[in-house]
């Protein structure tokens, strides 16, 4: 089986609005930079429900805001940082 890879270097969201309803909080997908060990946001927002639907082998390639390098992560190792409004 070939691992699934999602390339999210564009700015468009990858998930539909189907799960985003009233009362569902959105959060930004974040990862820890392997170079600086600092957390950085990807600009992609999910609800907790959407995040749980991501297939385990799915990967993402993102440009790190900390070291400015490209990093590849399994999406499931990321975390959703809830936004406060």
PDB file of N, CA and C in Angstrom:
ATOM      1  N   UNK A   1       0.846  -1.182   0.000  1.00  0.00           N
ATOM      2  CA  UNK A   1       0.000   0.000   0.000  1.00  0.00           C
ATOM      3  C   UNK A   1       0.890   1.244   0.000  1.00  0.00           C
ATOM      4  N   UNK A   2       0.592   2.169  -0.878  1.00  0.00           N
ATOM      5  CA  UNK A   2       1.346   3.413  -0.993  1.00  0.00           C
ATOM      6  C   UNK A   2       0.839   4.402   0.045  1.00  0.00           C
ATOM      7  N   UNK A   3       1.742   5.014   0.836  1.00  0.00           N
ATOM      8  CA  UNK A   3       1.283   5.997   1.833  1.00  0.00           C
ATOM      9  C   UNK A   3       0.609   7.190   1.163  1.00  0.00           C
ATOM     10  N   UNK A   4      -0.396   7.716   1.802  1.00  0.00           N
ATOM     11  CA  UNK A   4      -1.104   8.878   1.293  1.00  0.00           C
ATOM     12  C   UNK A   4      -0.323  10.130   1.656  1.00  0.00           C
ATOM     13  N   UNK A   5      -0.179  11.025   0.704  1.00  0.00           N
ATOM     14  CA  UNK A   5       0.479  12.289   0.980  1.00  0.00           C
ATOM     15  C   UNK A   5      -0.402  13.428   0.520  1.00  0.00           C
ATOM     16  N   UNK A   6      -0.574  14.391   1.389  1.00  0.00           N
ATOM     17  CA  UNK A   6      -1.310  15.597   1.051  1.00  0.00           C
ATOM     18  C   UNK A   6      -0.302  16.733   0.995  1.00  0.00           C
ATOM     19  N   UNK A   7      -0.264  17.421  -0.104  1.00  0.00           N
ATOM     20  CA  UNK A   7       0.629  18.562  -0.210  1.00  0.00           C
ATOM     21  C   UNK A   7      -0.176  19.810   0.081  1.00  0.00           C
ATOM     22  N   UNK A   8       0.146  20.478   1.177  1.00  0.00           N
ATOM     23  CA  UNK A   8      -0.619  21.643   1.603  1.00  0.00           C
ATOM     24  C   UNK A   8       0.213  22.911   1.568  1.00  0.00           C
ATOM     25  N   UNK A   9       0.971  23.081   0.510  1.00  0.00           N
ATOM     26  CA  UNK A   9       1.748  24.305   0.387  1.00  0.00           C
ATOM     27  C   UNK A   9       0.896  25.443  -0.162  1.00  0.00           C
ATOM     28  N   UNK A  10      -0.302  25.115  -0.640  1.00  0.00           N
ATOM     29  CA  UNK A  10      -1.216  26.154  -1.101  1.00  0.00           C
ATOM     30  C   UNK A  10      -1.964  26.721   0.104  1.00  0.00           C
ATOM     31  N   UNK A  11      -2.800  27.697  -0.134  1.00  0.00           N
ATOM     32  CA  UNK A  11      -3.491  28.320   0.989  1.00  0.00           C
ATOM     33  C   UNK A  11      -4.947  27.891   1.099  1.00  0.00           C
ATOM     34  N   UNK A  12      -5.425  27.038   0.211  1.00  0.00           N
ATOM     35  CA  UNK A  12      -6.827  26.617   0.264  1.00  0.00           C
ATOM     36  C   UNK A  12      -7.026  25.534   1.304  1.00  0.00           C
ATOM     37  N   UNK A  13      -8.128  25.588   2.055  1.00  0.00           N
ATOM     38  CA  UNK A  13      -8.411  24.531   3.015  1.00  0.00           C
ATOM     39  C   UNK A  13      -8.689  23.219   2.284  1.00  0.00           C
ATOM     40  N   UNK A  14      -8.328  22.095   2.914  1.00  0.00           N
ATOM     41  CA  UNK A  14      -8.515  20.807   2.259  1.00  0.00           C
ATOM     42  C   UNK A  14      -9.791  20.120   2.687  1.00  0.00           C
ATOM     43  N   UNK A  15     -10.458  20.609   3.704  1.00  0.00           N
ATOM     44  CA  UNK A  15     -11.648  19.933   4.206  1.00  0.00           C
ATOM     45  C   UNK A  15     -12.886  20.732   3.865  1.00  0.00           C
ATOM     46  N   UNK A  16     -13.961  20.014   3.641  1.00  0.00           N
ATOM     47  CA  UNK A  16     -15.223  20.674   3.320  1.00  0.00           C
ATOM     48  C   UNK A  16     -15.817  21.305   4.574  1.00  0.00           C
ATOM     49  N   UNK A  17     -16.839  22.053   4.388  1.00  0.00           N
ATOM     50  CA  UNK A  17     -17.523  22.692   5.509  1.00  0.00           C
ATOM     51  C   UNK A  17     -18.585  21.802   6.126  1.00  0.00           C
ATOM     52  N   UNK A  18     -18.712  20.563   5.666  1.00  0.00           N
ATOM     53  CA  UNK A  18     -19.775  19.680   6.124  1.00  0.00           C
ATOM     54  C   UNK A  18     -19.818  19.519   7.637  1.00  0.00           C
ATOM     55  N   UNK A  19     -18.663  19.408   8.288  1.00  0.00           N
ATOM     56  CA  UNK A  19     -18.629  19.154   9.723  1.00  0.00           C
ATOM     57  C   UNK A  19     -18.594  20.418  10.554  1.00  0.00           C
ATOM     58  N   UNK A  20     -18.456  21.549   9.908  1.00  0.00           N
ATOM     59  CA  UNK A  20     -18.340  22.804  10.659  1.00  0.00           C
ATOM     60  C   UNK A  20     -19.710  23.385  10.893  1.00  0.00           C
ATOM     61  N   UNK A  21     -20.191  23.203  12.083  1.00  0.00           N
ATOM     62  CA  UNK A  21     -21.503  23.741  12.411  1.00  0.00           C
ATOM     63  C   UNK A  21     -21.415  24.584  13.651  1.00  0.00           C
ATOM     64  N   UNK A  22     -22.540  25.073  14.067  1.00  0.00           N
ATOM     65  CA  UNK A  22     -22.596  25.874  15.286  1.00  0.00           C
ATOM     66  C   UNK A  22     -22.105  25.046  16.458  1.00  0.00           C
ATOM     67  N   UNK A  23     -21.296  25.639  17.306  1.00  0.00           N
ATOM     68  CA  UNK A  23     -20.816  24.952  18.491  1.00  0.00           C
ATOM     69  C   UNK A  23     -19.559  24.134  18.279  1.00  0.00           C
ATOM     70  N   UNK A  24     -19.084  24.015  17.055  1.00  0.00           N
ATOM     71  CA  UNK A  24     -17.864  23.262  16.783  1.00  0.00           C
ATOM     72  C   UNK A  24     -16.708  24.242  16.681  1.00  0.00           C
ATOM     73  N   UNK A  25     -15.759  24.102  17.587  1.00  0.00           N
ATOM     74  CA  UNK A  25     -14.633  25.028  17.617  1.00  0.00           C
ATOM     75  C   UNK A  25     -13.564  24.609  16.627  1.00  0.00           C
ATOM     76  N   UNK A  26     -13.052  25.586  15.914  1.00  0.00           N
ATOM     77  CA  UNK A  26     -11.967  25.372  14.969  1.00  0.00           C
ATOM     78  C   UNK A  26     -10.654  25.607  15.688  1.00  0.00           C
ATOM     79  N   UNK A  27      -9.622  24.936  15.213  1.00  0.00           N
ATOM     80  CA  UNK A  27      -8.292  25.148  15.738  1.00  0.00           C
ATOM     81  C   UNK A  27      -7.280  25.011  14.622  1.00  0.00           C
ATOM     82  N   UNK A  28      -6.111  25.578  14.821  1.00  0.00           N
ATOM     83  CA  UNK A  28      -5.065  25.534  13.804  1.00  0.00           C
ATOM     84  C   UNK A  28      -4.215  24.284  13.969  1.00  0.00           C
ATOM     85  N   UNK A  29      -3.919  23.631  12.850  1.00  0.00           N
ATOM     86  CA  UNK A  29      -3.033  22.471  12.852  1.00  0.00           C
ATOM     87  C   UNK A  29      -1.604  22.950  13.093  1.00  0.00           C
ATOM     88  N   UNK A  30      -0.951  22.412  14.111  1.00  0.00           N
ATOM     89  CA  UNK A  30       0.409  22.822  14.454  1.00  0.00           C
ATOM     90  C   UNK A  30       1.314  21.602  14.544  1.00  0.00           C
ATOM     91  N   UNK A  31       2.602  21.843  14.366  1.00  0.00           N
ATOM     92  CA  UNK A  31       3.631  20.816  14.502  1.00  0.00           C
ATOM     93  C   UNK A  31       4.806  21.402  15.263  1.00  0.00           C
ATOM     94  N   UNK A  32       5.693  20.537  15.718  1.00  0.00           N
ATOM     95  CA  UNK A  32       6.925  20.968  16.371  1.00  0.00           C
ATOM     96  C   UNK A  32       8.054  20.876  15.359  1.00  0.00           C
ATOM     97  N   UNK A  33       8.768  21.978  15.166  1.00  0.00           N
ATOM     98  CA  UNK A  33       9.886  22.022  14.232  1.00  0.00           C
ATOM     99  C   UNK A  33      10.981  21.062  14.713  1.00  0.00           C
ATOM    100  N   UNK A  34      11.436  20.135  13.862  1.00  0.00           N
ATOM    101  CA  UNK A  34      12.494  19.217  14.276  1.00  0.00           C
ATOM    102  C   UNK A  34      13.859  19.896  14.437  1.00  0.00           C
ATOM    103  N   UNK A  35      14.008  21.087  13.880  1.00  0.00           N
ATOM    104  CA  UNK A  35      15.277  21.813  13.983  1.00  0.00           C
ATOM    105  C   UNK A  35      15.339  22.672  15.240  1.00  0.00           C
ATOM    106  N   UNK A  36      14.264  23.422  15.516  1.00  0.00           N
ATOM    107  CA  UNK A  36      14.273  24.370  16.637  1.00  0.00           C
ATOM    108  C   UNK A  36      13.503  23.877  17.860  1.00  0.00           C
ATOM    109  N   UNK A  37      12.736  22.802  17.695  1.00  0.00           N
ATOM    110  CA  UNK A  37      11.866  22.258  18.750  1.00  0.00           C
ATOM    111  C   UNK A  37      10.770  23.235  19.166  1.00  0.00           C
ATOM    112  N   UNK A  38      10.472  24.216  18.340  1.00  0.00           N
ATOM    113  CA  UNK A  38       9.411  25.174  18.623  1.00  0.00           C
ATOM    114  C   UNK A  38       8.175  24.834  17.796  1.00  0.00           C
ATOM    115  N   UNK A  39       7.006  25.053  18.389  1.00  0.00           N
ATOM    116  CA  UNK A  39       5.755  24.793  17.702  1.00  0.00           C
ATOM    117  C   UNK A  39       5.504  25.874  16.654  1.00  0.00           C
ATOM    118  N   UNK A  40       4.934  25.463  15.520  1.00  0.00           N
ATOM    119  CA  UNK A  40       4.554  26.436  14.502  1.00  0.00           C
ATOM    120  C   UNK A  40       3.206  26.048  13.901  1.00  0.00           C
ATOM    121  N   UNK A  41       2.446  27.060  13.543  1.00  0.00           N
ATOM    122  CA  UNK A  41       1.143  26.851  12.933  1.00  0.00           C
ATOM    123  C   UNK A  41       1.269  26.694  11.431  1.00  0.00           C
ATOM    124  N   UNK A  42       0.330  25.950  10.860  1.00  0.00           N
ATOM    125  CA  UNK A  42       0.353  25.703   9.426  1.00  0.00           C
ATOM    126  C   UNK A  42      -0.599  26.610   8.654  1.00  0.00           C
ATOM    127  N   UNK A  43      -1.526  27.244   9.366  1.00  0.00           N
ATOM    128  CA  UNK A  43      -2.530  28.050   8.696  1.00  0.00           C
ATOM    129  C   UNK A  43      -3.775  27.260   8.324  1.00  0.00           C
ATOM    130  N   UNK A  44      -3.756  25.952   8.540  1.00  0.00           N
ATOM    131  CA  UNK A  44      -4.910  25.101   8.247  1.00  0.00           C
ATOM    132  C   UNK A  44      -5.708  24.891   9.513  1.00  0.00           C
ATOM    133  N   UNK A  45      -7.020  25.041   9.386  1.00  0.00           N
ATOM    134  CA  UNK A  45      -7.899  24.944  10.553  1.00  0.00           C
ATOM    135  C   UNK A  45      -8.850  23.762  10.414  1.00  0.00           C
ATOM    136  N   UNK A  46      -9.031  23.073  11.519  1.00  0.00           N
ATOM    137  CA  UNK A  46      -9.879  21.896  11.578  1.00  0.00           C
ATOM    138  C   UNK A  46     -10.733  21.952  12.834  1.00  0.00           C
ATOM    139  N   UNK A  47     -11.822  21.234  12.833  1.00  0.00           N
ATOM    140  CA  UNK A  47     -12.514  20.935  14.081  1.00  0.00           C
ATOM    141  C   UNK A  47     -11.883  19.647  14.604  1.00  0.00           C
ATOM    142  N   UNK A  48     -12.108  19.336  15.866  1.00  0.00           N
ATOM    143  CA  UNK A  48     -11.584  18.082  16.428  1.00  0.00           C
ATOM    144  C   UNK A  48     -12.160  16.896  15.663  1.00  0.00           C
ATOM    145  N   UNK A  49     -13.414  16.993  15.259  1.00  0.00           N
ATOM    146  CA  UNK A  49     -14.066  15.915  14.522  1.00  0.00           C
ATOM    147  C   UNK A  49     -13.394  15.691  13.172  1.00  0.00           C
ATOM    148  N   UNK A  50     -13.085  16.771  12.464  1.00  0.00           N
ATOM    149  CA  UNK A  50     -12.405  16.658  11.170  1.00  0.00           C
ATOM    150  C   UNK A  50     -11.020  16.037  11.336  1.00  0.00           C
ATOM    151  N   UNK A  51     -10.301  16.481  12.362  1.00  0.00           N
ATOM    152  CA  UNK A  51      -8.944  15.988  12.578  1.00  0.00           C
ATOM    153  C   UNK A  51      -8.950  14.479  12.808  1.00  0.00           C
ATOM    154  N   UNK A  52      -9.951  13.974  13.500  1.00  0.00           N
ATOM    155  CA  UNK A  52     -10.041  12.539  13.763  1.00  0.00           C
ATOM    156  C   UNK A  52     -10.320  11.734  12.492  1.00  0.00           C
ATOM    157  N   UNK A  53     -10.819  12.370  11.437  1.00  0.00           N
ATOM    158  CA  UNK A  53     -11.105  11.685  10.188  1.00  0.00           C
ATOM    159  C   UNK A  53      -9.890  11.569   9.266  1.00  0.00           C
ATOM    160  N   UNK A  54      -8.793  12.221   9.604  1.00  0.00           N
ATOM    161  CA  UNK A  54      -7.593  12.161   8.765  1.00  0.00           C
ATOM    162  C   UNK A  54      -7.017  10.743   8.828  1.00  0.00           C
ATOM    163  N   UNK A  55      -6.778  10.110   7.673  1.00  0.00           N
ATOM    164  CA  UNK A  55      -6.207   8.766   7.676  1.00  0.00           C
ATOM    165  C   UNK A  55      -4.815   8.755   8.326  1.00  0.00           C
ATOM    166  N   UNK A  56      -4.538   7.737   9.117  1.00  0.00           N
ATOM    167  CA  UNK A  56      -3.272   7.639   9.852  1.00  0.00           C
ATOM    168  C   UNK A  56      -2.030   7.789   8.967  1.00  0.00           C
ATOM    169  N   UNK A  57      -1.984   7.173   7.774  1.00  0.00           N
ATOM    170  CA  UNK A  57      -0.753   7.301   6.993  1.00  0.00           C
ATOM    171  C   UNK A  57      -0.606   8.616   6.228  1.00  0.00           C
ATOM    172  N   UNK A  58      -1.614   9.483   6.263  1.00  0.00           N
ATOM    173  CA  UNK A  58      -1.554  10.729   5.501  1.00  0.00           C
ATOM    174  C   UNK A  58      -0.429  11.618   6.007  1.00  0.00           C
ATOM    175  N   UNK A  59       0.321  12.170   5.065  1.00  0.00           N
ATOM    176  CA  UNK A  59       1.419  13.069   5.420  1.00  0.00           C
ATOM    177  C   UNK A  59       1.159  14.455   4.844  1.00  0.00           C
ATOM    178  N   UNK A  60       1.890  15.402   5.365  1.00  0.00           N
ATOM    179  CA  UNK A  60       1.778  16.790   4.923  1.00  0.00           C
ATOM    180  C   UNK A  60       3.191  17.359   4.827  1.00  0.00           C
ATOM    181  N   UNK A  61       3.416  18.141   3.791  1.00  0.00           N
ATOM    182  CA  UNK A  61       4.673  18.862   3.646  1.00  0.00           C
ATOM    183  C   UNK A  61       4.368  20.341   3.838  1.00  0.00           C
ATOM    184  N   UNK A  62       5.022  20.958   4.806  1.00  0.00           N
ATOM    185  CA  UNK A  62       4.762  22.360   5.130  1.00  0.00           C
ATOM    186  C   UNK A  62       6.073  23.121   5.273  1.00  0.00           C
ATOM    187  N   UNK A  63       6.001  24.409   4.984  1.00  0.00           N
ATOM    188  CA  UNK A  63       7.163  25.272   5.221  1.00  0.00           C
ATOM    189  C   UNK A  63       7.077  25.772   6.650  1.00  0.00           C
ATOM    190  N   UNK A  64       8.130  25.500   7.401  1.00  0.00           N
ATOM    191  CA  UNK A  64       8.188  25.844   8.823  1.00  0.00           C
ATOM    192  C   UNK A  64       8.353  27.349   9.002  1.00  0.00           C
ATOM    193  N   UNK A  65       7.553  27.912   9.892  1.00  0.00           N
ATOM    194  CA  UNK A  65       7.650  29.343  10.185  1.00  0.00           C
ATOM    195  C   UNK A  65       8.808  29.647  11.128  1.00  0.00           C
ATOM    196  N   UNK A  66       9.382  28.608  11.737  1.00  0.00           N
ATOM    197  CA  UNK A  66      10.498  28.811  12.664  1.00  0.00           C
ATOM    198  C   UNK A  66      11.846  28.823  11.930  1.00  0.00           C
ATOM    199  N   UNK A  67      12.101  27.787  11.113  1.00  0.00           N
ATOM    200  CA  UNK A  67      13.412  27.676  10.444  1.00  0.00           C
ATOM    201  C   UNK A  67      13.336  27.887   8.933  1.00  0.00           C
ATOM    202  N   UNK A  68      12.121  28.058   8.416  1.00  0.00           N
ATOM    203  CA  UNK A  68      11.857  28.333   7.002  1.00  0.00           C
ATOM    204  C   UNK A  68      12.207  27.175   6.059  1.00  0.00           C
ATOM    205  N   UNK A  69      12.393  25.993   6.600  1.00  0.00           N
ATOM    206  CA  UNK A  69      12.657  24.810   5.783  1.00  0.00           C
ATOM    207  C   UNK A  69      11.358  24.040   5.555  1.00  0.00           C
ATOM    208  N   UNK A  70      11.368  23.156   4.556  1.00  0.00           N
ATOM    209  CA  UNK A  70      10.229  22.269   4.336  1.00  0.00           C
ATOM    210  C   UNK A  70      10.382  21.062   5.245  1.00  0.00           C
ATOM    211  N   UNK A  71       9.297  20.687   5.899  1.00  0.00           N
ATOM    212  CA  UNK A  71       9.278  19.495   6.750  1.00  0.00           C
ATOM    213  C   UNK A  71       8.094  18.642   6.323  1.00  0.00           C
ATOM    214  N   UNK A  72       8.270  17.336   6.443  1.00  0.00           N
ATOM    215  CA  UNK A  72       7.167  16.421   6.171  1.00  0.00           C
ATOM    216  C   UNK A  72       6.800  15.719   7.474  1.00  0.00           C
ATOM    217  N   UNK A  73       5.496  15.682   7.766  1.00  0.00           N
ATOM    218  CA  UNK A  73       4.989  15.071   8.994  1.00  0.00           C
ATOM    219  C   UNK A  73       3.825  14.155   8.664  1.00  0.00           C
ATOM    220  N   UNK A  74       3.619  13.130   9.476  1.00  0.00           N
ATOM    221  CA  UNK A  74       2.340  12.437   9.457  1.00  0.00           C
ATOM    222  C   UNK A  74       1.368  13.407  10.116  1.00  0.00           C
ATOM    223  N   UNK A  75       0.229  13.617   9.493  1.00  0.00           N
ATOM    224  CA  UNK A  75      -0.725  14.602  10.010  1.00  0.00           C
ATOM    225  C   UNK A  75      -1.143  14.265  11.437  1.00  0.00           C
ATOM    226  N   UNK A  76      -1.278  12.977  11.742  1.00  0.00           N
ATOM    227  CA  UNK A  76      -1.757  12.584  13.072  1.00  0.00           C
ATOM    228  C   UNK A  76      -0.790  12.944  14.198  1.00  0.00           C
ATOM    229  N   UNK A  77       0.465  13.296  13.892  1.00  0.00           N
ATOM    230  CA  UNK A  77       1.384  13.714  14.957  1.00  0.00           C
ATOM    231  C   UNK A  77       1.245  15.201  15.251  1.00  0.00           C
ATOM    232  N   UNK A  78       0.471  15.894  14.421  1.00  0.00           N
ATOM    233  CA  UNK A  78       0.207  17.309  14.680  1.00  0.00           C
ATOM    234  C   UNK A  78      -0.774  17.463  15.826  1.00  0.00           C
ATOM    235  N   UNK A  79      -1.032  18.700  16.156  1.00  0.00           N
ATOM    236  CA  UNK A  79      -1.983  18.984  17.220  1.00  0.00           C
ATOM    237  C   UNK A  79      -2.844  20.144  16.770  1.00  0.00           C
ATOM    238  N   UNK A  80      -4.069  20.167  17.269  1.00  0.00           N
ATOM    239  CA  UNK A  80      -4.983  21.267  16.953  1.00  0.00           C
ATOM    240  C   UNK A  80      -4.964  22.237  18.120  1.00  0.00           C
ATOM    241  N   UNK A  81      -4.484  23.453  17.832  1.00  0.00           N
ATOM    242  CA  UNK A  81      -4.453  24.510  18.848  1.00  0.00           C
ATOM    243  C   UNK A  81      -5.751  25.312  18.717  1.00  0.00           C
ATOM    244  N   UNK A  82      -6.588  25.196  19.734  1.00  0.00           N
ATOM    245  CA  UNK A  82      -7.878  25.894  19.695  1.00  0.00           C
ATOM    246  C   UNK A  82      -7.659  27.400  19.697  1.00  0.00           C
ATOM    247  N   UNK A  83      -8.478  28.062  18.901  1.00  0.00           N
ATOM    248  CA  UNK A  83      -8.410  29.512  18.813  1.00  0.00           C
ATOM    249  C   UNK A  83      -9.403  30.110  19.783  1.00  0.00           C
ATOM    250  N   UNK A  84      -8.981  31.129  20.463  1.00  0.00           N
ATOM    251  CA  UNK A  84      -9.896  31.812  21.385  1.00  0.00           C
ATOM    252  C   UNK A  84     -10.430  33.065  20.706  1.00  0.00           C
ATOM    253  N   UNK A  85     -11.724  33.241  20.800  1.00  0.00           N
ATOM    254  CA  UNK A  85     -12.359  34.432  20.196  1.00  0.00           C
ATOM    255  C   UNK A  85     -13.089  35.214  21.233  1.00  0.00           C
TER     256      UNK A  85
END
